[in-house]
mmCIF file of all heavy atoms, coordinates in Angstrom:
data_MODEL
# 
_entry.id   MODEL 
# 
loop_
_atom_site.group_PDB 
_atom_site.id 
_atom_site.type_symbol 
_atom_site.label_atom_id 
_atom_site.label_alt_id 
_atom_site.label_comp_id 
_atom_site.label_asym_id 
_atom_site.label_entity_id 
_atom_site.label_seq_id 
_atom_site.pdbx_PDB_ins_code 
_atom_site.Cartn_x 
_atom_site.Cartn_y 
_atom_site.Cartn_z 
_atom_site.occupancy 
_atom_site.B_iso_or_equiv 
_atom_site.pdbx_formal_charge 
_atom_site.auth_seq_id 
_atom_site.auth_comp_id 
_atom_site.auth_asym_id 
_atom_site.auth_atom_id 
_atom_site.pdbx_PDB_model_num 
ATOM 1   N N   . TYR A 1 1  ? 79.116 116.685 94.124  1.00 0.00 ? 1  TYR A N   1 
ATOM 2   C CA  . TYR A 1 1  ? 78.415 117.665 93.278  1.00 0.00 ? 1  TYR A CA  1 
ATOM 3   C C   . TYR A 1 1  ? 77.364 118.404 94.087  1.00 0.00 ? 1  TYR A C   1 
ATOM 4   O O   . TYR A 1 1  ? 76.563 117.801 94.788  1.00 0.00 ? 1  TYR A O   1 
ATOM 5   C CB  . TYR A 1 1  ? 77.778 116.971 92.073  1.00 0.00 ? 1  TYR A CB  1 
ATOM 6   C CG  . TYR A 1 1  ? 78.791 116.732 90.972  1.00 0.00 ? 1  TYR A CG  1 
ATOM 7   C CD1 . TYR A 1 1  ? 79.666 115.657 91.034  1.00 0.00 ? 1  TYR A CD1 1 
ATOM 8   C CD2 . TYR A 1 1  ? 78.920 117.620 89.907  1.00 0.00 ? 1  TYR A CD2 1 
ATOM 9   C CE1 . TYR A 1 1  ? 80.629 115.448 90.049  1.00 0.00 ? 1  TYR A CE1 1 
ATOM 10  C CE2 . TYR A 1 1  ? 79.877 117.425 88.914  1.00 0.00 ? 1  TYR A CE2 1 
ATOM 11  C CZ  . TYR A 1 1  ? 80.730 116.340 88.998  1.00 0.00 ? 1  TYR A CZ  1 
ATOM 12  O OH  . TYR A 1 1  ? 81.687 116.159 88.024  1.00 0.00 ? 1  TYR A OH  1 
ATOM 13  N N   . THR A 1 2  ? 77.423 119.738 93.992  1.00 0.00 ? 2  THR A N   1 
ATOM 14  C CA  . THR A 1 2  ? 76.421 120.553 94.675  1.00 0.00 ? 2  THR A CA  1 
ATOM 15  C C   . THR A 1 2  ? 75.437 121.035 93.632  1.00 0.00 ? 2  THR A C   1 
ATOM 16  O O   . THR A 1 2  ? 75.825 121.452 92.549  1.00 0.00 ? 2  THR A O   1 
ATOM 17  C CB  . THR A 1 2  ? 77.057 121.773 95.370  1.00 0.00 ? 2  THR A CB  1 
ATOM 18  O OG1 . THR A 1 2  ? 77.696 122.577 94.382  1.00 0.00 ? 2  THR A OG1 1 
ATOM 19  C CG2 . THR A 1 2  ? 78.080 121.355 96.389  1.00 0.00 ? 2  THR A CG2 1 
ATOM 20  N N   . SER A 1 3  ? 74.159 120.988 93.963  1.00 0.00 ? 3  SER A N   1 
ATOM 21  C CA  . SER A 1 3  ? 73.154 121.425 92.993  1.00 0.00 ? 3  SER A CA  1 
ATOM 22  C C   . SER A 1 3  ? 72.954 122.925 93.138  1.00 0.00 ? 3  SER A C   1 
ATOM 23  O O   . SER A 1 3  ? 72.495 123.387 94.176  1.00 0.00 ? 3  SER A O   1 
ATOM 24  C CB  . SER A 1 3  ? 71.837 120.696 93.227  1.00 0.00 ? 3  SER A CB  1 
ATOM 25  O OG  . SER A 1 3  ? 71.489 120.792 94.574  1.00 0.00 ? 3  SER A OG  1 
ATOM 26  N N   . GLY A 1 4  ? 73.351 123.640 92.129  1.00 0.00 ? 4  GLY A N   1 
ATOM 27  C CA  . GLY A 1 4  ? 73.130 125.094 92.133  1.00 0.00 ? 4  GLY A CA  1 
ATOM 28  C C   . GLY A 1 4  ? 71.682 125.384 91.785  1.00 0.00 ? 4  GLY A C   1 
ATOM 29  O O   . GLY A 1 4  ? 71.015 124.561 91.156  1.00 0.00 ? 4  GLY A O   1 
ATOM 30  N N   . THR A 1 5  ? 71.198 126.549 92.186  1.00 0.00 ? 5  THR A N   1 
ATOM 31  C CA  . THR A 1 5  ? 69.815 126.906 91.838  1.00 0.00 ? 5  THR A CA  1 
ATOM 32  C C   . THR A 1 5  ? 69.713 127.183 90.343  1.00 0.00 ? 5  THR A C   1 
ATOM 33  O O   . THR A 1 5  ? 68.675 127.020 89.730  1.00 0.00 ? 5  THR A O   1 
ATOM 34  C CB  . THR A 1 5  ? 69.360 128.150 92.635  1.00 0.00 ? 5  THR A CB  1 
ATOM 35  O OG1 . THR A 1 5  ? 70.438 129.085 92.662  1.00 0.00 ? 5  THR A OG1 1 
ATOM 36  C CG2 . THR A 1 5  ? 69.008 127.768 94.050  1.00 0.00 ? 5  THR A CG2 1 
ATOM 37  N N   . THR A 1 6  ? 70.825 127.637 89.775  1.00 0.00 ? 6  THR A N   1 
ATOM 38  C CA  . THR A 1 6  ? 70.833 127.863 88.312  1.00 0.00 ? 6  THR A CA  1 
ATOM 39  C C   . THR A 1 6  ? 72.063 127.173 87.728  1.00 0.00 ? 6  THR A C   1 
ATOM 40  O O   . THR A 1 6  ? 73.079 127.010 88.396  1.00 0.00 ? 6  THR A O   1 
ATOM 41  C CB  . THR A 1 6  ? 70.933 129.373 87.983  1.00 0.00 ? 6  THR A CB  1 
ATOM 42  O OG1 . THR A 1 6  ? 72.099 129.905 88.633  1.00 0.00 ? 6  THR A OG1 1 
ATOM 43  C CG2 . THR A 1 6  ? 69.716 130.127 88.462  1.00 0.00 ? 6  THR A CG2 1 
ATOM 44  N N   . GLY A 1 7  ? 71.969 126.769 86.491  1.00 0.00 ? 7  GLY A N   1 
ATOM 45  C CA  . GLY A 1 7  ? 73.113 126.159 85.808  1.00 0.00 ? 7  GLY A CA  1 
ATOM 46  C C   . GLY A 1 7  ? 73.367 124.723 86.243  1.00 0.00 ? 7  GLY A C   1 
ATOM 47  O O   . GLY A 1 7  ? 72.626 124.142 87.030  1.00 0.00 ? 7  GLY A O   1 
ATOM 48  N N   . ASP A 1 8  ? 74.441 124.159 85.701  1.00 0.00 ? 8  ASP A N   1 
ATOM 49  C CA  . ASP A 1 8  ? 74.801 122.762 85.985  1.00 0.00 ? 8  ASP A CA  1 
ATOM 50  C C   . ASP A 1 8  ? 75.338 122.611 87.404  1.00 0.00 ? 8  ASP A C   1 
ATOM 51  O O   . ASP A 1 8  ? 75.873 123.556 87.968  1.00 0.00 ? 8  ASP A O   1 
ATOM 52  C CB  . ASP A 1 8  ? 75.896 122.309 84.999  1.00 0.00 ? 8  ASP A CB  1 
ATOM 53  C CG  . ASP A 1 8  ? 75.367 122.267 83.565  1.00 0.00 ? 8  ASP A CG  1 
ATOM 54  O OD1 . ASP A 1 8  ? 74.195 121.892 83.384  1.00 0.00 ? 8  ASP A OD1 1 
ATOM 55  O OD2 . ASP A 1 8  ? 76.116 122.631 82.638  1.00 0.00 ? 8  ASP A OD2 1 
ATOM 56  N N   . PRO A 1 9  ? 75.230 121.387 87.953  1.00 0.00 ? 9  PRO A N   1 
ATOM 57  C CA  . PRO A 1 9  ? 75.839 121.152 89.274  1.00 0.00 ? 9  PRO A CA  1 
ATOM 58  C C   . PRO A 1 9  ? 77.348 121.370 89.196  1.00 0.00 ? 9  PRO A C   1 
ATOM 59  O O   . PRO A 1 9  ? 77.957 121.159 88.147  1.00 0.00 ? 9  PRO A O   1 
ATOM 60  C CB  . PRO A 1 9  ? 75.526 119.675 89.546  1.00 0.00 ? 9  PRO A CB  1 
ATOM 61  C CG  . PRO A 1 9  ? 74.482 119.272 88.576  1.00 0.00 ? 9  PRO A CG  1 
ATOM 62  C CD  . PRO A 1 9  ? 74.596 120.182 87.405  1.00 0.00 ? 9  PRO A CD  1 
ATOM 63  N N   . LYS A 1 10 ? 77.922 121.802 90.335  1.00 0.00 ? 10 LYS A N   1 
ATOM 64  C CA  . LYS A 1 10 ? 79.377 122.013 90.382  1.00 0.00 ? 10 LYS A CA  1 
ATOM 65  C C   . LYS A 1 10 ? 80.015 120.859 91.137  1.00 0.00 ? 10 LYS A C   1 
ATOM 66  O O   . LYS A 1 10 ? 79.571 120.516 92.234  1.00 0.00 ? 10 LYS A O   1 
ATOM 67  C CB  . LYS A 1 10 ? 79.701 123.333 91.089  1.00 0.00 ? 10 LYS A CB  1 
ATOM 68  C CG  . LYS A 1 10 ? 79.427 124.566 90.234  1.00 0.00 ? 10 LYS A CG  1 
ATOM 69  C CD  . LYS A 1 10 ? 80.163 125.804 90.764  1.00 0.00 ? 10 LYS A CD  1 
ATOM 70  C CE  . LYS A 1 10 ? 79.540 126.325 92.034  1.00 0.00 ? 10 LYS A CE  1 
ATOM 71  N NZ  . LYS A 1 10 ? 78.764 127.542 91.885  1.00 0.00 ? 10 LYS A NZ  1 
ATOM 72  N N   . GLY A 1 11 ? 81.057 120.292 90.553  1.00 0.00 ? 11 GLY A N   1 
ATOM 73  C CA  . GLY A 1 11 ? 81.783 119.206 91.213  1.00 0.00 ? 11 GLY A CA  1 
ATOM 74  C C   . GLY A 1 11 ? 82.879 119.779 92.097  1.00 0.00 ? 11 GLY A C   1 
ATOM 75  O O   . GLY A 1 11 ? 83.776 120.463 91.613  1.00 0.00 ? 11 GLY A O   1 
ATOM 76  N N   . VAL A 1 12 ? 82.803 119.499 93.394  1.00 0.00 ? 12 VAL A N   1 
ATOM 77  C CA  . VAL A 1 12 ? 83.789 120.021 94.347  1.00 0.00 ? 12 VAL A CA  1 
ATOM 78  C C   . VAL A 1 12 ? 84.859 118.954 94.566  1.00 0.00 ? 12 VAL A C   1 
ATOM 79  O O   . VAL A 1 12 ? 84.571 117.853 95.034  1.00 0.00 ? 12 VAL A O   1 
ATOM 80  C CB  . VAL A 1 12 ? 83.108 120.398 95.690  1.00 0.00 ? 12 VAL A CB  1 
ATOM 81  C CG1 . VAL A 1 12 ? 84.110 121.006 96.645  1.00 0.00 ? 12 VAL A CG1 1 
ATOM 82  C CG2 . VAL A 1 12 ? 81.947 121.366 95.445  1.00 0.00 ? 12 VAL A CG2 1 
ATOM 83  N N   . LEU A 1 13 ? 86.098 119.293 94.194  1.00 0.00 ? 13 LEU A N   1 
ATOM 84  C CA  . LEU A 1 13 ? 87.220 118.357 94.312  1.00 0.00 ? 13 LEU A CA  1 
ATOM 85  C C   . LEU A 1 13 ? 87.746 118.371 95.751  1.00 0.00 ? 13 LEU A C   1 
ATOM 86  O O   . LEU A 1 13 ? 88.345 119.351 96.191  1.00 0.00 ? 13 LEU A O   1 
ATOM 87  C CB  . LEU A 1 13 ? 88.349 118.760 93.346  1.00 0.00 ? 13 LEU A CB  1 
ATOM 88  C CG  . LEU A 1 13 ? 88.027 118.623 91.850  1.00 0.00 ? 13 LEU A CG  1 
ATOM 89  C CD1 . LEU A 1 13 ? 88.948 119.509 91.028  1.00 0.00 ? 13 LEU A CD1 1 
ATOM 90  C CD2 . LEU A 1 13 ? 88.142 117.167 91.400  1.00 0.00 ? 13 LEU A CD2 1 
ATOM 91  N N   . LEU A 1 14 ? 87.493 117.271 96.464  1.00 0.00 ? 14 LEU A N   1 
ATOM 92  C CA  . LEU A 1 14 ? 87.879 117.203 97.868  1.00 0.00 ? 14 LEU A CA  1 
ATOM 93  C C   . LEU A 1 14 ? 88.992 116.178 98.058  1.00 0.00 ? 14 LEU A C   1 
ATOM 94  O O   . LEU A 1 14 ? 88.847 115.009 97.704  1.00 0.00 ? 14 LEU A O   1 
ATOM 95  C CB  . LEU A 1 14 ? 86.662 116.865 98.731  1.00 0.00 ? 14 LEU A CB  1 
ATOM 96  C CG  . LEU A 1 14 ? 85.558 117.943 98.655  1.00 0.00 ? 14 LEU A CG  1 
ATOM 97  C CD1 . LEU A 1 14 ? 84.295 117.483 99.354  1.00 0.00 ? 14 LEU A CD1 1 
ATOM 98  C CD2 . LEU A 1 14 ? 86.035 119.267 99.239  1.00 0.00 ? 14 LEU A CD2 1 
ATOM 99  N N   . MET A 1 15 ? 90.099 116.643 98.605  1.00 0.00 ? 15 MET A N   1 
ATOM 100 C CA  . MET A 1 15 ? 91.310 115.841 98.746  1.00 0.00 ? 15 MET A CA  1 
ATOM 101 C C   . MET A 1 15 ? 91.284 115.025 100.034 1.00 0.00 ? 15 MET A C   1 
ATOM 102 O O   . MET A 1 15 ? 90.514 115.303 100.947 1.00 0.00 ? 15 MET A O   1 
ATOM 103 C CB  . MET A 1 15 ? 92.532 116.776 98.752  1.00 0.00 ? 15 MET A CB  1 
ATOM 104 C CG  . MET A 1 15 ? 92.647 117.653 97.521  1.00 0.00 ? 15 MET A CG  1 
ATOM 105 S SD  . MET A 1 15 ? 93.979 118.885 97.662  1.00 0.00 ? 15 MET A SD  1 
ATOM 106 C CE  . MET A 1 15 ? 93.165 120.203 98.577  1.00 0.00 ? 15 MET A CE  1 
ATOM 107 N N   . HIS A 1 16 ? 92.166 114.046 100.108 1.00 0.00 ? 16 HIS A N   1 
ATOM 108 C CA  . HIS A 1 16 ? 92.267 113.217 101.316 1.00 0.00 ? 16 HIS A CA  1 
ATOM 109 C C   . HIS A 1 16 ? 92.503 114.083 102.547 1.00 0.00 ? 16 HIS A C   1 
ATOM 110 O O   . HIS A 1 16 ? 91.872 113.888 103.581 1.00 0.00 ? 16 HIS A O   1 
ATOM 111 C CB  . HIS A 1 16 ? 93.401 112.193 101.159 1.00 0.00 ? 16 HIS A CB  1 
ATOM 112 C CG  . HIS A 1 16 ? 93.003 111.018 100.331 1.00 0.00 ? 16 HIS A CG  1 
ATOM 113 N ND1 . HIS A 1 16 ? 92.520 109.854 100.875 1.00 0.00 ? 16 HIS A ND1 1 
ATOM 114 C CD2 . HIS A 1 16 ? 92.972 110.849 98.982  1.00 0.00 ? 16 HIS A CD2 1 
ATOM 115 C CE1 . HIS A 1 16 ? 92.227 109.002 99.898  1.00 0.00 ? 16 HIS A CE1 1 
ATOM 116 N NE2 . HIS A 1 16 ? 92.490 109.585 98.747  1.00 0.00 ? 16 HIS A NE2 1 
ATOM 117 N N   . MET A 1 17 ? 93.406 115.073 102.442 1.00 0.00 ? 17 MET A N   1 
ATOM 118 C CA  . MET A 1 17 ? 93.711 115.891 103.624 1.00 0.00 ? 17 MET A CA  1 
ATOM 119 C C   . MET A 1 17 ? 92.532 116.768 104.041 1.00 0.00 ? 17 MET A C   1 
ATOM 120 O O   . MET A 1 17 ? 92.399 117.111 105.211 1.00 0.00 ? 17 MET A O   1 
ATOM 121 C CB  . MET A 1 17 ? 94.945 116.758 103.390 1.00 0.00 ? 17 MET A CB  1 
ATOM 122 C CG  . MET A 1 17 ? 94.754 117.916 102.449 1.00 0.00 ? 17 MET A CG  1 
ATOM 123 S SD  . MET A 1 17 ? 96.276 118.890 102.397 1.00 0.00 ? 17 MET A SD  1 
ATOM 124 C CE  . MET A 1 17 ? 95.688 120.360 101.522 1.00 0.00 ? 17 MET A CE  1 
ATOM 125 N N   . ASN A 1 18 ? 91.660 117.100 103.090 1.00 0.00 ? 18 ASN A N   1 
ATOM 126 C CA  . ASN A 1 18 ? 90.459 117.858 103.456 1.00 0.00 ? 18 ASN A CA  1 
ATOM 127 C C   . ASN A 1 18 ? 89.627 117.060 104.457 1.00 0.00 ? 18 ASN A C   1 
ATOM 128 O O   . ASN A 1 18 ? 89.210 117.573 105.495 1.00 0.00 ? 18 ASN A O   1 
ATOM 129 C CB  . ASN A 1 18 ? 89.594 118.152 102.222 1.00 0.00 ? 18 ASN A CB  1 
ATOM 130 C CG  . ASN A 1 18 ? 90.243 119.038 101.182 1.00 0.00 ? 18 ASN A CG  1 
ATOM 131 O OD1 . ASN A 1 18 ? 89.918 118.960 100.001 1.00 0.00 ? 18 ASN A OD1 1 
ATOM 132 N ND2 . ASN A 1 18 ? 91.162 119.886 101.587 1.00 0.00 ? 18 ASN A ND2 1 
ATOM 133 N N   . TRP A 1 19 ? 89.392 115.796 104.123 1.00 0.00 ? 19 TRP A N   1 
ATOM 134 C CA  . TRP A 1 19 ? 88.558 114.934 104.969 1.00 0.00 ? 19 TRP A CA  1 
ATOM 135 C C   . TRP A 1 19 ? 89.246 114.598 106.284 1.00 0.00 ? 19 TRP A C   1 
ATOM 136 O O   . TRP A 1 19 ? 88.633 114.659 107.350 1.00 0.00 ? 19 TRP A O   1 
ATOM 137 C CB  . TRP A 1 19 ? 88.219 113.628 104.236 1.00 0.00 ? 19 TRP A CB  1 
ATOM 138 C CG  . TRP A 1 19 ? 87.382 113.816 103.032 1.00 0.00 ? 19 TRP A CG  1 
ATOM 139 C CD1 . TRP A 1 19 ? 87.783 113.751 101.718 1.00 0.00 ? 19 TRP A CD1 1 
ATOM 140 C CD2 . TRP A 1 19 ? 85.979 114.121 102.983 1.00 0.00 ? 19 TRP A CD2 1 
ATOM 141 N NE1 . TRP A 1 19 ? 86.727 113.975 100.871 1.00 0.00 ? 19 TRP A NE1 1 
ATOM 142 C CE2 . TRP A 1 19 ? 85.606 114.205 101.617 1.00 0.00 ? 19 TRP A CE2 1 
ATOM 143 C CE3 . TRP A 1 19 ? 85.003 114.323 103.964 1.00 0.00 ? 19 TRP A CE3 1 
ATOM 144 C CZ2 . TRP A 1 19 ? 84.306 114.488 101.205 1.00 0.00 ? 19 TRP A CZ2 1 
ATOM 145 C CZ3 . TRP A 1 19 ? 83.696 114.606 103.561 1.00 0.00 ? 19 TRP A CZ3 1 
ATOM 146 C CH2 . TRP A 1 19 ? 83.364 114.687 102.199 1.00 0.00 ? 19 TRP A CH2 1 
ATOM 147 N N   . THR A 1 20 ? 90.538 114.199 106.213 1.00 0.00 ? 20 THR A N   1 
ATOM 148 C CA  . THR A 1 20 ? 91.216 113.748 107.439 1.00 0.00 ? 20 THR A CA  1 
ATOM 149 C C   . THR A 1 20 ? 91.445 114.910 108.401 1.00 0.00 ? 20 THR A C   1 
ATOM 150 O O   . THR A 1 20 ? 91.288 114.745 109.605 1.00 0.00 ? 20 THR A O   1 
ATOM 151 C CB  . THR A 1 20 ? 92.546 113.041 107.120 1.00 0.00 ? 20 THR A CB  1 
ATOM 152 O OG1 . THR A 1 20 ? 93.389 113.924 106.375 1.00 0.00 ? 20 THR A OG1 1 
ATOM 153 C CG2 . THR A 1 20 ? 92.317 111.759 106.336 1.00 0.00 ? 20 THR A CG2 1 
ATOM 154 N N   . SER A 1 21 ? 91.809 116.088 107.889 1.00 0.00 ? 21 SER A N   1 
ATOM 155 C CA  . SER A 1 21 ? 92.051 117.224 108.793 1.00 0.00 ? 21 SER A CA  1 
ATOM 156 C C   . SER A 1 21 ? 90.760 117.620 109.497 1.00 0.00 ? 21 SER A C   1 
ATOM 157 O O   . SER A 1 21 ? 90.765 117.953 110.686 1.00 0.00 ? 21 SER A O   1 
ATOM 158 C CB  . SER A 1 21 ? 92.633 118.431 108.037 1.00 0.00 ? 21 SER A CB  1 
ATOM 159 O OG  . SER A 1 21 ? 91.679 118.977 107.142 1.00 0.00 ? 21 SER A OG  1 
ATOM 160 N N   . ASN A 1 22 ? 89.644 117.556 108.785 1.00 0.00 ? 22 ASN A N   1 
ATOM 161 C CA  . ASN A 1 22 ? 88.368 117.885 109.415 1.00 0.00 ? 22 ASN A CA  1 
ATOM 162 C C   . ASN A 1 22 ? 87.988 116.839 110.456 1.00 0.00 ? 22 ASN A C   1 
ATOM 163 O O   . ASN A 1 22 ? 87.443 117.170 111.510 1.00 0.00 ? 22 ASN A O   1 
ATOM 164 C CB  . ASN A 1 22 ? 87.270 118.037 108.348 1.00 0.00 ? 22 ASN A CB  1 
ATOM 165 C CG  . ASN A 1 22 ? 86.350 119.213 108.619 1.00 0.00 ? 22 ASN A CG  1 
ATOM 166 O OD1 . ASN A 1 22 ? 85.170 119.035 108.879 1.00 0.00 ? 22 ASN A OD1 1 
ATOM 167 N ND2 . ASN A 1 22 ? 86.880 120.421 108.588 1.00 0.00 ? 22 ASN A ND2 1 
ATOM 168 N N   . HIS A 1 23 ? 88.316 115.574 110.160 1.00 0.00 ? 23 HIS A N   1 
ATOM 169 C CA  . HIS A 1 23 ? 88.071 114.528 111.170 1.00 0.00 ? 23 HIS A CA  1 
ATOM 170 C C   . HIS A 1 23 ? 88.907 114.785 112.423 1.00 0.00 ? 23 HIS A C   1 
ATOM 171 O O   . HIS A 1 23 ? 88.399 114.720 113.541 1.00 0.00 ? 23 HIS A O   1 
ATOM 172 C CB  . HIS A 1 23 ? 88.386 113.133 110.640 1.00 0.00 ? 23 HIS A CB  1 
ATOM 173 C CG  . HIS A 1 23 ? 88.729 112.191 111.753 1.00 0.00 ? 23 HIS A CG  1 
ATOM 174 N ND1 . HIS A 1 23 ? 87.799 111.810 112.708 1.00 0.00 ? 23 HIS A ND1 1 
ATOM 175 C CD2 . HIS A 1 23 ? 89.912 111.650 112.155 1.00 0.00 ? 23 HIS A CD2 1 
ATOM 176 C CE1 . HIS A 1 23 ? 88.392 111.061 113.622 1.00 0.00 ? 23 HIS A CE1 1 
ATOM 177 N NE2 . HIS A 1 23 ? 89.671 110.955 113.312 1.00 0.00 ? 23 HIS A NE2 1 
ATOM 178 N N   . HIS A 1 24 ? 90.209 115.037 112.248 1.00 0.00 ? 24 HIS A N   1 
ATOM 179 C CA  . HIS A 1 24 ? 91.088 115.242 113.415 1.00 0.00 ? 24 HIS A CA  1 
ATOM 180 C C   . HIS A 1 24 ? 90.599 116.426 114.258 1.00 0.00 ? 24 HIS A C   1 
ATOM 181 O O   . HIS A 1 24 ? 90.664 116.379 115.493 1.00 0.00 ? 24 HIS A O   1 
ATOM 182 C CB  . HIS A 1 24 ? 92.528 115.465 112.969 1.00 0.00 ? 24 HIS A CB  1 
ATOM 183 C CG  . HIS A 1 24 ? 93.162 114.249 112.362 1.00 0.00 ? 24 HIS A CG  1 
ATOM 184 N ND1 . HIS A 1 24 ? 93.201 113.032 113.004 1.00 0.00 ? 24 HIS A ND1 1 
ATOM 185 C CD2 . HIS A 1 24 ? 93.776 114.049 111.162 1.00 0.00 ? 24 HIS A CD2 1 
ATOM 186 C CE1 . HIS A 1 24 ? 93.805 112.135 112.227 1.00 0.00 ? 24 HIS A CE1 1 
ATOM 187 N NE2 . HIS A 1 24 ? 94.161 112.735 111.116 1.00 0.00 ? 24 HIS A NE2 1 
ATOM 188 N N   . ALA A 1 25 ? 90.099 117.471 113.589 1.00 0.00 ? 25 ALA A N   1 
ATOM 189 C CA  . ALA A 1 25 ? 89.592 118.645 114.315 1.00 0.00 ? 25 ALA A CA  1 
ATOM 190 C C   . ALA A 1 25 ? 88.346 118.280 115.123 1.00 0.00 ? 25 ALA A C   1 
ATOM 191 O O   . ALA A 1 25 ? 88.186 118.714 116.268 1.00 0.00 ? 25 ALA A O   1 
ATOM 192 C CB  . ALA A 1 25 ? 89.285 119.771 113.332 1.00 0.00 ? 25 ALA A CB  1 
ATOM 193 N N   . ARG A 1 26 ? 87.468 117.461 114.552 1.00 0.00 ? 26 ARG A N   1 
ATOM 194 C CA  . ARG A 1 26 ? 86.275 117.012 115.292 1.00 0.00 ? 26 ARG A CA  1 
ATOM 195 C C   . ARG A 1 26 ? 86.684 116.150 116.481 1.00 0.00 ? 26 ARG A C   1 
ATOM 196 O O   . ARG A 1 26 ? 86.153 116.289 117.576 1.00 0.00 ? 26 ARG A O   1 
ATOM 197 C CB  . ARG A 1 26 ? 85.342 116.198 114.371 1.00 0.00 ? 26 ARG A CB  1 
ATOM 198 C CG  . ARG A 1 26 ? 84.494 117.018 113.445 1.00 0.00 ? 26 ARG A CG  1 
ATOM 199 C CD  . ARG A 1 26 ? 83.434 116.164 112.765 1.00 0.00 ? 26 ARG A CD  1 
ATOM 200 N NE  . ARG A 1 26 ? 83.984 115.213 111.825 1.00 0.00 ? 26 ARG A NE  1 
ATOM 201 C CZ  . ARG A 1 26 ? 84.226 115.447 110.541 1.00 0.00 ? 26 ARG A CZ  1 
ATOM 202 N NH1 . ARG A 1 26 ? 83.970 116.638 110.030 1.00 0.00 ? 26 ARG A NH1 1 
ATOM 203 N NH2 . ARG A 1 26 ? 84.717 114.516 109.757 1.00 0.00 ? 26 ARG A NH2 1 
ATOM 204 N N   . ALA A 1 27 ? 87.636 115.245 116.242 1.00 0.00 ? 27 ALA A N   1 
ATOM 205 C CA  . ALA A 1 27 ? 88.064 114.328 117.301 1.00 0.00 ? 27 ALA A CA  1 
ATOM 206 C C   . ALA A 1 27 ? 88.709 115.096 118.461 1.00 0.00 ? 27 ALA A C   1 
ATOM 207 O O   . ALA A 1 27 ? 88.550 114.712 119.623 1.00 0.00 ? 27 ALA A O   1 
ATOM 208 C CB  . ALA A 1 27 ? 89.037 113.298 116.737 1.00 0.00 ? 27 ALA A CB  1 
ATOM 209 N N   . LYS A 1 28 ? 89.416 116.184 118.151 1.00 0.00 ? 28 LYS A N   1 
ATOM 210 C CA  . LYS A 1 28 ? 90.037 116.993 119.220 1.00 0.00 ? 28 LYS A CA  1 
ATOM 211 C C   . LYS A 1 28 ? 88.959 117.711 120.032 1.00 0.00 ? 28 LYS A C   1 
ATOM 212 O O   . LYS A 1 28 ? 89.037 117.781 121.256 1.00 0.00 ? 28 LYS A O   1 
ATOM 213 C CB  . LYS A 1 28 ? 90.995 118.024 118.606 1.00 0.00 ? 28 LYS A CB  1 
ATOM 214 C CG  . LYS A 1 28 ? 92.362 117.428 118.343 1.00 0.00 ? 28 LYS A CG  1 
ATOM 215 C CD  . LYS A 1 28 ? 93.330 118.414 117.744 1.00 0.00 ? 28 LYS A CD  1 
ATOM 216 C CE  . LYS A 1 28 ? 94.597 117.668 117.332 1.00 0.00 ? 28 LYS A CE  1 
ATOM 217 N NZ  . LYS A 1 28 ? 95.470 118.392 116.463 1.00 0.00 ? 28 LYS A NZ  1 
# 
């Protein structure tokens, strides 16, 4: 959840491939 300056926080749906692909890119 990201806290917006206005309104309710927004929940960002992050998938397994989002995390793993970003890890592999860092590792490379």
